[in-house]
C-alpha atoms as a PDB file:
ATOM      1  CA  UNK A   1       7.870  -9.591   0.230  1.00  0.00           C
ATOM      2  CA  UNK A   2       6.048 -10.368   3.615  1.00  0.00           C
ATOM      3  CA  UNK A   3       8.569  -8.366   5.427  1.00  0.00           C
ATOM      4  CA  UNK A   4       7.778  -5.313   2.987  1.00  0.00           C
ATOM      5  CA  UNK A   5       3.984  -5.779   4.041  1.00  0.00           C
ATOM      6  CA  UNK A   6       4.993  -5.874   7.510  1.00  0.00           C
ATOM      7  CA  UNK A   7       7.220  -2.578   7.161  1.00  0.00           C
ATOM      8  CA  UNK A   8       4.328  -0.798   5.480  1.00  0.00           C
ATOM      9  CA  UNK A   9       2.232  -1.627   8.160  1.00  0.00           C
ATOM     10  CA  UNK A  10       4.759  -0.573  10.914  1.00  0.00           C
ATOM     11  CA  UNK A  11       5.309   2.859   9.132  1.00  0.00           C
ATOM     12  CA  UNK A  12       1.515   3.259   8.666  1.00  0.00           C
ATOM     13  CA  UNK A  13       0.877   3.229  12.383  1.00  0.00           C
ATOM     14  CA  UNK A  14       3.765   5.542  13.319  1.00  0.00           C
ATOM     15  CA  UNK A  15       2.808   8.081  10.626  1.00  0.00           C
ATOM     16  CA  UNK A  16       2.606  11.828  12.080  1.00  0.00           C
ATOM     17  CA  UNK A  17      -0.731  12.654  10.997  1.00  0.00           C
ATOM     18  CA  UNK A  18      -4.295  13.466  12.843  1.00  0.00           C
ATOM     19  CA  UNK A  19      -6.511  10.601  13.486  1.00  0.00           C
ATOM     20  CA  UNK A  20      -8.702   9.507  10.509  1.00  0.00           C
ATOM     21  CA  UNK A  21      -6.354  11.152   8.031  1.00  0.00           C
ATOM     22  CA  UNK A  22      -3.522   9.895   5.624  1.00  0.00           C
ATOM     23  CA  UNK A  23      -0.195  11.293   4.752  1.00  0.00           C
ATOM     24  CA  UNK A  24       1.095  10.960   1.197  1.00  0.00           C
ATOM     25  CA  UNK A  25       3.720   8.700   2.440  1.00  0.00           C
ATOM     26  CA  UNK A  26       1.679   6.442   4.730  1.00  0.00           C
ATOM     27  CA  UNK A  27      -0.669   5.758   1.877  1.00  0.00           C
ATOM     28  CA  UNK A  28       2.040   5.139  -0.778  1.00  0.00           C
ATOM     29  CA  UNK A  29       3.983   2.733   1.761  1.00  0.00           C
ATOM     30  CA  UNK A  30       0.642   0.912   2.542  1.00  0.00           C
ATOM     31  CA  UNK A  31      -0.038   0.460  -1.107  1.00  0.00           C
ATOM     32  CA  UNK A  32       3.475  -0.424  -1.996  1.00  0.00           C
ATOM     33  CA  UNK A  33       3.432  -3.103   0.625  1.00  0.00           C
ATOM     34  CA  UNK A  34       0.187  -4.531  -0.671  1.00  0.00           C
ATOM     35  CA  UNK A  35       1.520  -4.347  -4.272  1.00  0.00           C
ATOM     36  CA  UNK A  36       4.695  -6.198  -3.395  1.00  0.00           C
ATOM     37  CA  UNK A  37       2.447  -8.858  -1.306  1.00  0.00           C
ATOM     38  CA  UNK A  38       0.415  -9.174  -4.512  1.00  0.00           C
ATOM     39  CA  UNK A  39       3.053  -9.864  -6.754  1.00  0.00           C
ATOM     40  CA  UNK A  40       5.597 -11.733  -4.705  1.00  0.00           C
ATOM     41  CA  UNK A  41       4.786 -15.161  -6.382  1.00  0.00           C
ATOM     42  CA  UNK A  42       5.463 -13.836  -9.766  1.00  0.00           C
ATOM     43  CA  UNK A  43       8.545 -13.977 -11.794  1.00  0.00           C
ATOM     44  CA  UNK A  44       9.068 -10.149 -11.969  1.00  0.00           C
ATOM     45  CA  UNK A  45       7.803  -9.936  -8.215  1.00  0.00           C
ATOM     46  CA  UNK A  46      10.869  -8.172  -7.201  1.00  0.00           C
ATOM     47  CA  UNK A  47      11.267  -5.943  -9.750  1.00  0.00           C
ATOM     48  CA  UNK A  48       7.489  -4.655  -9.503  1.00  0.00           C
ATOM     49  CA  UNK A  49       8.072  -4.416  -5.858  1.00  0.00           C
ATOM     50  CA  UNK A  50      10.841  -2.302  -5.864  1.00  0.00           C
ATOM     51  CA  UNK A  51       9.257  -0.029  -8.772  1.00  0.00           C
ATOM     52  CA  UNK A  52       6.134   0.812  -6.526  1.00  0.00           C
ATOM     53  CA  UNK A  53       8.555   1.314  -3.514  1.00  0.00           C
ATOM     54  CA  UNK A  54      10.420   3.549  -5.288  1.00  0.00           C
ATOM     55  CA  UNK A  55       7.615   6.030  -6.056  1.00  0.00           C
ATOM     56  CA  UNK A  56       7.395   6.340  -2.354  1.00  0.00           C
ATOM     57  CA  UNK A  57      10.383   8.328  -1.845  1.00  0.00           C
ATOM     58  CA  UNK A  58       9.170  11.605  -3.214  1.00  0.00           C
ATOM     59  CA  UNK A  59       6.004  11.410  -1.085  1.00  0.00           C
ATOM     60  CA  UNK A  60       5.495  13.576   1.779  1.00  0.00           C
ATOM     61  CA  UNK A  61       4.873  12.588   5.521  1.00  0.00           C
ATOM     62  CA  UNK A  62       3.127  15.977   6.358  1.00  0.00           C
ATOM     63  CA  UNK A  63       0.831  16.344   3.424  1.00  0.00           C
ATOM     64  CA  UNK A  64      -2.519  14.776   3.721  1.00  0.00           C
ATOM     65  CA  UNK A  65      -4.378  12.763   0.957  1.00  0.00           C
ATOM     66  CA  UNK A  66      -8.199  13.452   0.551  1.00  0.00           C
ATOM     67  CA  UNK A  67     -10.145  11.322   2.862  1.00  0.00           C
ATOM     68  CA  UNK A  68     -12.497   9.502   0.118  1.00  0.00           C
ATOM     69  CA  UNK A  69      -9.719   8.569  -1.923  1.00  0.00           C
ATOM     70  CA  UNK A  70      -7.523   7.694   0.764  1.00  0.00           C
ATOM     71  CA  UNK A  71      -9.943   5.579   2.300  1.00  0.00           C
ATOM     72  CA  UNK A  72     -10.618   3.466  -0.932  1.00  0.00           C
ATOM     73  CA  UNK A  73      -7.147   2.734  -1.658  1.00  0.00           C
ATOM     74  CA  UNK A  74      -6.452   1.854   1.945  1.00  0.00           C
ATOM     75  CA  UNK A  75      -9.376  -0.567   1.964  1.00  0.00           C
ATOM     76  CA  UNK A  76      -7.990  -2.251  -1.327  1.00  0.00           C
ATOM     77  CA  UNK A  77      -4.261  -2.490  -0.042  1.00  0.00           C
ATOM     78  CA  UNK A  78      -5.677  -4.080   3.307  1.00  0.00           C
ATOM     79  CA  UNK A  79      -7.856  -6.384   1.298  1.00  0.00           C
ATOM     80  CA  UNK A  80      -4.515  -7.458  -1.048  1.00  0.00           C
ATOM     81  CA  UNK A  81      -2.631  -7.835   2.094  1.00  0.00           C
ATOM     82  CA  UNK A  82      -5.109 -10.670   3.347  1.00  0.00           C
ATOM     83  CA  UNK A  83      -5.117 -12.442   0.090  1.00  0.00           C
ATOM     84  CA  UNK A  84      -2.732 -15.088  -1.108  1.00  0.00           C
ATOM     85  CA  UNK A  85      -0.369 -14.075  -3.722  1.00  0.00           C
ATOM     86  CA  UNK A  86      -2.049 -14.717  -7.213  1.00  0.00           C
ATOM     87  CA  UNK A  87      -5.332 -14.296  -5.763  1.00  0.00           C
ATOM     88  CA  UNK A  88      -8.305 -12.586  -7.808  1.00  0.00           C
ATOM     89  CA  UNK A  89      -8.737  -8.842  -7.218  1.00  0.00           C
ATOM     90  CA  UNK A  90     -10.841  -8.288  -4.248  1.00  0.00           C
ATOM     91  CA  UNK A  91     -14.204  -6.209  -4.491  1.00  0.00           C
ATOM     92  CA  UNK A  92     -12.605  -3.627  -2.402  1.00  0.00           C
ATOM     93  CA  UNK A  93     -10.002  -2.957  -5.241  1.00  0.00           C
ATOM     94  CA  UNK A  94     -12.745  -2.169  -7.932  1.00  0.00           C
ATOM     95  CA  UNK A  95     -11.651   0.819  -9.567  1.00  0.00           C
ATOM     96  CA  UNK A  96      -8.030   1.112  -7.509  1.00  0.00           C
ATOM     97  CA  UNK A  97      -5.813  -1.283  -9.942  1.00  0.00           C
END
């Protein structure tokens, strides 16, 4: 699961969008990695990770996401990645999960 989070981070740094913008794919990959990390200790963690990762296949690397929405979701994802699996929802995720 940590590998998925690391892969999401690598993909996020190589996205082809302008600075301070997020592509649909970048945001989806970051979110999927965070969700995989956050559920990796649960019995159905692998299935949850697979389900959220599949959603990213249909997203575009060239379409940008609204900045305010993307900033909130990215902040939540980054906070989830810093926590241990199974921890309480971080304050950055209020309204995101």
